Amino acid sequence: QPGKDSLGSTVEKLGRHLIDGVVLIPLDHAAYHNRIFPKQEFVYVAKEHVGVYPVGFYYPKKSRLTKVFDDQIRNIQSTGLIDFWLRRYGDYDFFQKQESGGGPRKLSNSHLAGGYQVFLGWLAVSCIVFGLELLSVRCAWLRRLFEAIMEQGGCD
């Protein structure tokens, strides 16, 4: 069976509930273990991370390998191989699922309800003002009121 070194056997014992406790292991190690034994020896991961270990390459800036490494990394990234590796080996399904992701979603009528309400409000206001303008042709006092508003600079 894969991963049966001392750390792997400890994770296995945790998954089988033979020991009780906490083990500090890389997140990828727990993800791999949970992919191999999803039902028998499932290991839960805490939400808090104790340490982060990024992978990186360090080489001198004036090295002849700089262009070669950069080209290779760009090729791997552009082909989608890194995403493939993450999908295949990075099984992080043991985290709690969030109901709604941060990504884009289709707009629905419930999203646009506020916009519809504002639109209908301003439509009602504009219809009332238009009706008053039509009525001002027949009512002299309403026409004088509108003219007074126009003279004071209320509307240009």
N, C-alpha and C. Protein backbone atom coordinates (compact mmCIF):
# COMPACT_ATOMS: atom_id res chain seq x y z
N GLN A 1 0.83 -1.18 0.00
CA GLN A 1 0.00 0.00 0.00
C GLN A 1 0.88 1.24 0.00
N PRO A 2 0.44 2.28 -0.72
CA PRO A 2 1.26 3.48 -0.81
C PRO A 2 1.30 4.25 0.49
N GLY A 3 2.41 4.92 0.73
CA GLY A 3 2.53 5.82 1.85
C GLY A 3 2.59 5.16 3.21
N LYS A 4 3.24 4.02 3.32
CA LYS A 4 3.27 3.31 4.60
C LYS A 4 4.58 3.53 5.33
N ASP A 5 5.11 4.72 5.27
CA ASP A 5 6.26 5.08 6.09
C ASP A 5 5.75 5.40 7.49
N SER A 6 6.59 5.92 8.37
CA SER A 6 6.14 6.18 9.74
C SER A 6 5.02 7.23 9.76
N LEU A 7 5.14 8.26 8.94
CA LEU A 7 4.09 9.27 8.89
C LEU A 7 2.81 8.69 8.28
N GLY A 8 3.00 7.89 7.22
CA GLY A 8 1.85 7.26 6.58
C GLY A 8 1.13 6.29 7.49
N SER A 9 1.88 5.52 8.28
CA SER A 9 1.23 4.59 9.20
C SER A 9 0.51 5.34 10.32
N THR A 10 1.05 6.47 10.73
CA THR A 10 0.38 7.28 11.75
C THR A 10 -0.93 7.83 11.21
N VAL A 11 -0.91 8.31 9.98
CA VAL A 11 -2.14 8.82 9.36
C VAL A 11 -3.15 7.68 9.19
N GLU A 12 -2.66 6.51 8.83
CA GLU A 12 -3.55 5.36 8.70
C GLU A 12 -4.20 5.02 10.04
N LYS A 13 -3.43 5.04 11.12
CA LYS A 13 -3.98 4.74 12.44
C LYS A 13 -4.99 5.81 12.88
N LEU A 14 -4.71 7.05 12.51
CA LEU A 14 -5.68 8.12 12.79
C LEU A 14 -6.98 7.88 12.05
N GLY A 15 -6.85 7.51 10.78
CA GLY A 15 -8.04 7.28 9.96
C GLY A 15 -8.86 6.11 10.45
N ARG A 16 -8.22 5.09 11.00
CA ARG A 16 -8.93 3.92 11.52
C ARG A 16 -9.35 4.10 12.98
N HIS A 17 -9.05 5.24 13.55
CA HIS A 17 -9.37 5.56 14.94
C HIS A 17 -8.67 4.63 15.93
N LEU A 18 -7.48 4.15 15.55
CA LEU A 18 -6.69 3.34 16.46
C LEU A 18 -5.92 4.22 17.45
N ILE A 19 -5.61 5.44 17.04
CA ILE A 19 -5.01 6.41 17.94
C ILE A 19 -5.85 7.68 17.89
N ASP A 20 -5.76 8.46 18.93
CA ASP A 20 -6.52 9.69 19.01
C ASP A 20 -5.53 10.84 19.14
N GLY A 21 -5.65 11.83 18.30
CA GLY A 21 -4.73 12.95 18.40
C GLY A 21 -4.66 13.76 17.14
N VAL A 22 -3.59 14.50 17.03
CA VAL A 22 -3.36 15.41 15.91
C VAL A 22 -1.98 15.13 15.35
N VAL A 23 -1.86 15.17 14.03
CA VAL A 23 -0.57 14.96 13.37
C VAL A 23 -0.34 16.13 12.43
N LEU A 24 0.85 16.68 12.45
CA LEU A 24 1.22 17.76 11.54
C LEU A 24 1.79 17.12 10.28
N ILE A 25 1.01 17.22 9.20
CA ILE A 25 1.42 16.66 7.91
C ILE A 25 1.13 17.68 6.83
N PRO A 26 1.80 17.56 5.69
CA PRO A 26 1.46 18.45 4.57
C PRO A 26 0.02 18.20 4.10
N LEU A 27 -0.62 19.23 3.63
CA LEU A 27 -2.00 19.13 3.17
C LEU A 27 -2.13 18.15 2.01
N ASP A 28 -1.14 18.12 1.15
CA ASP A 28 -1.18 17.19 0.02
C ASP A 28 -1.14 15.74 0.48
N HIS A 29 -0.43 15.49 1.58
CA HIS A 29 -0.35 14.12 2.10
C HIS A 29 -1.72 13.66 2.58
N ALA A 30 -2.45 14.53 3.29
CA ALA A 30 -3.80 14.20 3.74
C ALA A 30 -4.74 14.04 2.55
N ALA A 31 -4.60 14.90 1.55
CA ALA A 31 -5.46 14.82 0.36
C ALA A 31 -5.22 13.50 -0.38
N TYR A 32 -3.96 13.10 -0.51
CA TYR A 32 -3.64 11.84 -1.18
C TYR A 32 -4.20 10.66 -0.39
N HIS A 33 -4.03 10.69 0.93
CA HIS A 33 -4.54 9.60 1.77
C HIS A 33 -6.06 9.49 1.65
N ASN A 34 -6.75 10.61 1.65
CA ASN A 34 -8.21 10.60 1.54
C ASN A 34 -8.68 10.17 0.16
N ARG A 35 -7.86 10.38 -0.84
CA ARG A 35 -8.23 9.91 -2.16
C ARG A 35 -8.08 8.39 -2.26
N ILE A 36 -7.04 7.85 -1.63
CA ILE A 36 -6.81 6.40 -1.68
C ILE A 36 -7.82 5.66 -0.79
N PHE A 37 -8.10 6.19 0.39
CA PHE A 37 -9.00 5.55 1.35
C PHE A 37 -10.16 6.49 1.70
N PRO A 38 -11.07 6.74 0.78
CA PRO A 38 -12.11 7.74 1.05
C PRO A 38 -13.11 7.32 2.13
N LYS A 39 -13.36 6.02 2.29
CA LYS A 39 -14.36 5.59 3.27
C LYS A 39 -13.75 4.90 4.47
N GLN A 40 -12.71 4.11 4.25
CA GLN A 40 -12.16 3.31 5.34
C GLN A 40 -11.36 4.15 6.33
N GLU A 41 -10.50 5.04 5.84
CA GLU A 41 -9.55 5.74 6.71
C GLU A 41 -9.55 7.24 6.46
N PHE A 42 -10.71 7.82 6.41
CA PHE A 42 -10.80 9.24 6.10
C PHE A 42 -10.18 10.07 7.21
N VAL A 43 -9.30 11.01 6.83
CA VAL A 43 -8.62 11.87 7.79
C VAL A 43 -9.15 13.29 7.61
N TYR A 44 -9.60 13.90 8.70
CA TYR A 44 -10.13 15.25 8.65
C TYR A 44 -9.00 16.26 8.82
N VAL A 45 -9.16 17.39 8.16
CA VAL A 45 -8.13 18.44 8.17
C VAL A 45 -8.71 19.67 8.86
N ALA A 46 -7.91 20.28 9.71
CA ALA A 46 -8.35 21.49 10.40
C ALA A 46 -8.43 22.67 9.43
N LYS A 47 -9.29 23.62 9.74
CA LYS A 47 -9.40 24.80 8.89
C LYS A 47 -8.17 25.69 9.02
N GLU A 48 -7.56 25.70 10.19
CA GLU A 48 -6.39 26.55 10.42
C GLU A 48 -5.15 25.83 9.93
N HIS A 49 -4.30 26.57 9.24
CA HIS A 49 -3.06 26.01 8.74
C HIS A 49 -1.92 26.45 9.64
N VAL A 50 -1.10 25.49 10.03
CA VAL A 50 0.04 25.79 10.90
C VAL A 50 1.19 26.34 10.08
N GLY A 51 1.41 25.78 8.92
CA GLY A 51 2.52 26.23 8.08
C GLY A 51 2.17 26.11 6.62
N VAL A 52 2.75 26.97 5.81
CA VAL A 52 2.57 26.93 4.36
C VAL A 52 3.94 26.72 3.74
N TYR A 53 4.03 25.77 2.84
CA TYR A 53 5.31 25.43 2.23
C TYR A 53 5.20 25.57 0.72
N PRO A 54 5.45 26.75 0.20
CA PRO A 54 5.37 26.91 -1.26
C PRO A 54 6.56 26.23 -1.94
N VAL A 55 6.31 25.81 -3.15
CA VAL A 55 7.36 25.19 -3.94
C VAL A 55 7.95 26.26 -4.85
N GLY A 56 9.24 26.32 -4.91
CA GLY A 56 9.88 27.32 -5.75
C GLY A 56 11.25 26.86 -6.20
N PHE A 57 11.76 27.53 -7.20
CA PHE A 57 13.10 27.27 -7.70
C PHE A 57 13.96 28.49 -7.44
N TYR A 58 15.16 28.26 -7.00
CA TYR A 58 16.09 29.36 -6.78
C TYR A 58 17.35 29.08 -7.58
N TYR A 59 17.69 30.01 -8.43
CA TYR A 59 18.94 29.91 -9.18
C TYR A 59 19.43 31.32 -9.44
N PRO A 60 20.71 31.47 -9.68
CA PRO A 60 21.27 32.83 -9.86
C PRO A 60 20.60 33.56 -11.03
N LYS A 61 20.49 34.85 -10.89
CA LYS A 61 19.82 35.67 -11.89
C LYS A 61 20.54 35.62 -13.23
N LYS A 62 21.84 35.57 -13.21
CA LYS A 62 22.61 35.57 -14.46
C LYS A 62 22.91 34.16 -14.97
N SER A 63 22.18 33.19 -14.44
CA SER A 63 22.40 31.81 -14.86
C SER A 63 21.95 31.62 -16.31
N ARG A 64 22.59 30.69 -16.97
CA ARG A 64 22.19 30.37 -18.34
C ARG A 64 20.88 29.59 -18.35
N LEU A 65 20.48 29.08 -17.21
CA LEU A 65 19.26 28.28 -17.14
C LEU A 65 17.99 29.12 -16.94
N THR A 66 18.15 30.41 -16.72
CA THR A 66 16.99 31.26 -16.45
C THR A 66 15.97 31.19 -17.58
N LYS A 67 16.40 31.40 -18.80
CA LYS A 67 15.48 31.38 -19.94
C LYS A 67 14.89 29.98 -20.13
N VAL A 68 15.72 28.96 -19.95
CA VAL A 68 15.24 27.58 -20.13
C VAL A 68 14.15 27.25 -19.10
N PHE A 69 14.41 27.59 -17.84
CA PHE A 69 13.42 27.32 -16.80
C PHE A 69 12.14 28.13 -17.04
N ASP A 70 12.29 29.40 -17.37
CA ASP A 70 11.12 30.23 -17.62
C ASP A 70 10.28 29.69 -18.77
N ASP A 71 10.94 29.27 -19.84
CA ASP A 71 10.22 28.70 -20.98
C ASP A 71 9.49 27.42 -20.59
N GLN A 72 10.16 26.56 -19.84
CA GLN A 72 9.53 25.29 -19.44
C GLN A 72 8.33 25.54 -18.53
N ILE A 73 8.47 26.45 -17.59
CA ILE A 73 7.36 26.74 -16.68
C ILE A 73 6.19 27.35 -17.44
N ARG A 74 6.48 28.25 -18.40
CA ARG A 74 5.40 28.82 -19.22
C ARG A 74 4.72 27.74 -20.06
N ASN A 75 5.49 26.82 -20.60
CA ASN A 75 4.91 25.73 -21.40
C ASN A 75 4.00 24.86 -20.54
N ILE A 76 4.45 24.52 -19.35
CA ILE A 76 3.64 23.68 -18.46
C ILE A 76 2.36 24.41 -18.08
N GLN A 77 2.48 25.69 -17.78
CA GLN A 77 1.31 26.46 -17.37
C GLN A 77 0.33 26.65 -18.52
N SER A 78 0.83 26.94 -19.71
CA SER A 78 -0.06 27.21 -20.84
C SER A 78 -0.78 25.97 -21.34
N THR A 79 -0.20 24.79 -21.14
CA THR A 79 -0.86 23.57 -21.59
C THR A 79 -1.95 23.12 -20.63
N GLY A 80 -2.02 23.74 -19.45
CA GLY A 80 -3.03 23.35 -18.48
C GLY A 80 -2.63 22.16 -17.64
N LEU A 81 -1.36 21.79 -17.70
CA LEU A 81 -0.90 20.63 -16.95
C LEU A 81 -0.96 20.85 -15.44
N ILE A 82 -0.71 22.08 -15.00
CA ILE A 82 -0.77 22.36 -13.57
C ILE A 82 -2.20 22.20 -13.07
N ASP A 83 -3.18 22.71 -13.84
CA ASP A 83 -4.58 22.52 -13.45
C ASP A 83 -4.96 21.05 -13.45
N PHE A 84 -4.44 20.29 -14.42
CA PHE A 84 -4.70 18.86 -14.47
C PHE A 84 -4.14 18.17 -13.22
N TRP A 85 -2.94 18.53 -12.84
CA TRP A 85 -2.34 17.93 -11.64
C TRP A 85 -3.16 18.26 -10.40
N LEU A 86 -3.61 19.51 -10.31
CA LEU A 86 -4.42 19.90 -9.15
C LEU A 86 -5.73 19.14 -9.11
N ARG A 87 -6.38 18.97 -10.26
CA ARG A 87 -7.64 18.22 -10.29
C ARG A 87 -7.42 16.76 -9.97
N ARG A 88 -6.33 16.19 -10.47
CA ARG A 88 -6.11 14.76 -10.30
C ARG A 88 -5.57 14.41 -8.91
N TYR A 89 -4.63 15.21 -8.43
CA TYR A 89 -3.97 14.85 -7.18
C TYR A 89 -4.35 15.74 -6.02
N GLY A 90 -4.91 16.89 -6.29
CA GLY A 90 -5.27 17.80 -5.21
C GLY A 90 -6.72 17.65 -4.81
N ASP A 91 -7.06 16.53 -4.19
CA ASP A 91 -8.42 16.25 -3.80
C ASP A 91 -8.68 16.87 -2.43
N TYR A 92 -9.16 18.10 -2.43
CA TYR A 92 -9.40 18.79 -1.18
C TYR A 92 -10.89 18.83 -0.87
N ASP A 93 -11.59 17.75 -1.15
CA ASP A 93 -13.02 17.70 -0.92
C ASP A 93 -13.37 17.57 0.56
N PHE A 94 -12.37 17.38 1.42
CA PHE A 94 -12.69 17.20 2.83
C PHE A 94 -12.88 18.52 3.55
N PHE A 95 -12.75 19.64 2.86
CA PHE A 95 -13.09 20.93 3.45
C PHE A 95 -14.60 21.10 3.37
N GLN A 96 -15.15 21.92 4.24
CA GLN A 96 -16.57 22.19 4.19
C GLN A 96 -16.88 22.97 2.94
N LYS A 97 -17.93 22.55 2.26
CA LYS A 97 -18.33 23.22 1.02
C LYS A 97 -19.06 24.50 1.35
N GLN A 98 -18.77 25.55 0.62
CA GLN A 98 -19.49 26.80 0.79
C GLN A 98 -20.68 26.79 -0.15
N GLU A 99 -21.78 27.39 0.31
CA GLU A 99 -23.00 27.39 -0.47
C GLU A 99 -22.84 28.14 -1.78
N SER A 100 -22.25 29.31 -1.71
CA SER A 100 -22.10 30.10 -2.93
C SER A 100 -20.64 30.47 -3.10
N GLY A 101 -20.14 30.24 -4.27
CA GLY A 101 -18.75 30.57 -4.56
C GLY A 101 -18.58 32.04 -4.84
N GLY A 102 -17.34 32.45 -4.95
CA GLY A 102 -17.07 33.85 -5.22
C GLY A 102 -17.05 34.16 -6.70
N GLY A 103 -17.30 33.16 -7.52
CA GLY A 103 -17.23 33.36 -8.96
C GLY A 103 -18.48 33.99 -9.53
N PRO A 104 -18.47 34.26 -10.80
CA PRO A 104 -19.64 34.88 -11.45
C PRO A 104 -20.83 33.92 -11.48
N ARG A 105 -22.01 34.50 -11.37
CA ARG A 105 -23.24 33.73 -11.43
C ARG A 105 -24.18 34.37 -12.44
N LYS A 106 -25.12 33.59 -12.96
CA LYS A 106 -26.12 34.14 -13.87
C LYS A 106 -27.04 35.06 -13.10
N LEU A 107 -27.40 36.17 -13.72
CA LEU A 107 -28.35 37.09 -13.09
C LEU A 107 -29.75 36.50 -13.17
N SER A 108 -30.47 36.61 -12.09
CA SER A 108 -31.86 36.17 -12.08
C SER A 108 -32.75 37.38 -11.76
N ASN A 109 -34.06 37.18 -11.84
CA ASN A 109 -34.98 38.28 -11.54
C ASN A 109 -34.87 38.72 -10.10
N SER A 110 -34.52 37.81 -9.20
CA SER A 110 -34.37 38.21 -7.80
C SER A 110 -33.18 39.15 -7.62
N HIS A 111 -32.14 38.98 -8.43
CA HIS A 111 -31.01 39.91 -8.38
C HIS A 111 -31.41 41.29 -8.90
N LEU A 112 -32.28 41.31 -9.88
CA LEU A 112 -32.66 42.56 -10.54
C LEU A 112 -33.89 43.23 -9.92
N ALA A 113 -34.45 42.64 -8.87
CA ALA A 113 -35.70 43.17 -8.29
C ALA A 113 -35.52 44.62 -7.82
N GLY A 114 -34.42 44.94 -7.20
CA GLY A 114 -34.17 46.32 -6.75
C GLY A 114 -34.12 47.28 -7.92
N GLY A 115 -33.48 46.88 -9.00
CA GLY A 115 -33.43 47.72 -10.20
C GLY A 115 -34.81 47.94 -10.79
N TYR A 116 -35.62 46.88 -10.80
CA TYR A 116 -37.00 47.02 -11.29
C TYR A 116 -37.78 48.00 -10.42
N GLN A 117 -37.62 47.93 -9.11
CA GLN A 117 -38.36 48.82 -8.20
C GLN A 117 -37.96 50.28 -8.43
N VAL A 118 -36.67 50.54 -8.58
CA VAL A 118 -36.22 51.92 -8.83
C VAL A 118 -36.76 52.40 -10.18
N PHE A 119 -36.70 51.53 -11.17
CA PHE A 119 -37.22 51.89 -12.50
C PHE A 119 -38.70 52.24 -12.43
N LEU A 120 -39.50 51.41 -11.76
CA LEU A 120 -40.93 51.67 -11.67
C LEU A 120 -41.22 52.94 -10.87
N GLY A 121 -40.43 53.21 -9.83
CA GLY A 121 -40.60 54.44 -9.06
C GLY A 121 -40.39 55.67 -9.91
N TRP A 122 -39.27 55.70 -10.65
CA TRP A 122 -38.99 56.87 -11.50
C TRP A 122 -39.97 56.96 -12.68
N LEU A 123 -40.45 55.82 -13.16
CA LEU A 123 -41.47 55.84 -14.22
C LEU A 123 -42.76 56.47 -13.70
N ALA A 124 -43.13 56.12 -12.47
CA ALA A 124 -44.34 56.72 -11.87
C ALA A 124 -44.16 58.23 -11.68
N VAL A 125 -42.98 58.65 -11.20
CA VAL A 125 -42.73 60.08 -11.02
C VAL A 125 -42.80 60.80 -12.36
N SER A 126 -42.19 60.24 -13.38
CA SER A 126 -42.19 60.90 -14.70
C SER A 126 -43.61 60.97 -15.27
N CYS A 127 -44.43 59.94 -15.05
CA CYS A 127 -45.81 59.97 -15.55
C CYS A 127 -46.62 61.04 -14.82
N ILE A 128 -46.40 61.19 -13.52
CA ILE A 128 -47.11 62.22 -12.75
C ILE A 128 -46.72 63.61 -13.24
N VAL A 129 -45.42 63.83 -13.45
CA VAL A 129 -44.95 65.14 -13.92
C VAL A 129 -45.51 65.42 -15.32
N PHE A 130 -45.50 64.42 -16.18
CA PHE A 130 -46.05 64.61 -17.53
C PHE A 130 -47.54 64.94 -17.47
N GLY A 131 -48.26 64.24 -16.60
CA GLY A 131 -49.68 64.53 -16.44
C GLY A 131 -49.93 65.94 -15.94
N LEU A 132 -49.09 66.41 -15.00
CA LEU A 132 -49.22 67.79 -14.51
C LEU A 132 -48.91 68.79 -15.61
N GLU A 133 -47.95 68.50 -16.46
CA GLU A 133 -47.64 69.41 -17.58
C GLU A 133 -48.82 69.50 -18.54
N LEU A 134 -49.45 68.37 -18.83
CA LEU A 134 -50.63 68.41 -19.70
C LEU A 134 -51.78 69.16 -19.04
N LEU A 135 -51.91 69.00 -17.73
CA LEU A 135 -52.97 69.68 -17.00
C LEU A 135 -52.72 71.18 -16.90
N SER A 136 -51.44 71.59 -16.93
CA SER A 136 -51.11 73.02 -16.82
C SER A 136 -51.57 73.81 -18.02
N VAL A 137 -51.84 73.17 -19.14
CA VAL A 137 -52.37 73.85 -20.31
C VAL A 137 -53.79 74.36 -20.01
N ARG A 138 -54.55 73.65 -19.22
CA ARG A 138 -55.94 74.00 -18.91
C ARG A 138 -56.06 74.79 -17.61
N CYS A 139 -55.13 74.61 -16.67
CA CYS A 139 -55.21 75.29 -15.38
C CYS A 139 -54.18 76.41 -15.33
N ALA A 140 -54.66 77.65 -15.21
CA ALA A 140 -53.77 78.80 -15.22
C ALA A 140 -52.88 78.84 -13.98
N TRP A 141 -53.42 78.48 -12.81
CA TRP A 141 -52.64 78.53 -11.57
C TRP A 141 -51.49 77.52 -11.59
N LEU A 142 -51.71 76.37 -12.22
CA LEU A 142 -50.65 75.35 -12.33
C LEU A 142 -49.56 75.83 -13.29
N ARG A 143 -49.99 76.49 -14.37
CA ARG A 143 -49.02 77.04 -15.33
C ARG A 143 -48.18 78.11 -14.67
N ARG A 144 -48.79 79.01 -13.86
CA ARG A 144 -48.03 80.05 -13.16
C ARG A 144 -47.04 79.42 -12.16
N LEU A 145 -47.46 78.33 -11.52
CA LEU A 145 -46.57 77.64 -10.57
C LEU A 145 -45.33 77.11 -11.30
N PHE A 146 -45.53 76.45 -12.44
CA PHE A 146 -44.40 75.92 -13.20
C PHE A 146 -43.50 77.04 -13.72
N GLU A 147 -44.11 78.14 -14.16
CA GLU A 147 -43.31 79.29 -14.64
C GLU A 147 -42.50 79.90 -13.51
N ALA A 148 -43.07 79.96 -12.29
CA ALA A 148 -42.35 80.49 -11.14
C ALA A 148 -41.17 79.59 -10.80
N ILE A 149 -41.39 78.31 -10.91
CA ILE A 149 -40.28 77.36 -10.64
C ILE A 149 -39.18 77.54 -11.68
N MET A 150 -39.58 77.76 -12.93
CA MET A 150 -38.59 77.93 -14.00
C MET A 150 -37.82 79.24 -13.81
N GLU A 151 -38.48 80.28 -13.37
CA GLU A 151 -37.81 81.58 -13.18
C GLU A 151 -36.79 81.54 -12.04
N GLN A 152 -37.09 80.75 -11.01
CA GLN A 152 -36.18 80.66 -9.86
C GLN A 152 -34.95 79.82 -10.18
N GLY A 153 -34.93 79.22 -11.33
CA GLY A 153 -33.76 78.42 -11.72
C GLY A 153 -33.86 76.97 -11.27
N GLY A 154 -35.05 76.51 -10.98
CA GLY A 154 -35.23 75.11 -10.56
C GLY A 154 -34.96 74.14 -11.68
N CYS A 155 -35.26 74.57 -12.92
CA CYS A 155 -35.01 73.70 -14.09
C CYS A 155 -34.45 74.57 -15.19
N ASP A 156 -33.54 74.04 -15.95
CA ASP A 156 -32.94 74.79 -17.06
C ASP A 156 -33.59 74.42 -18.37
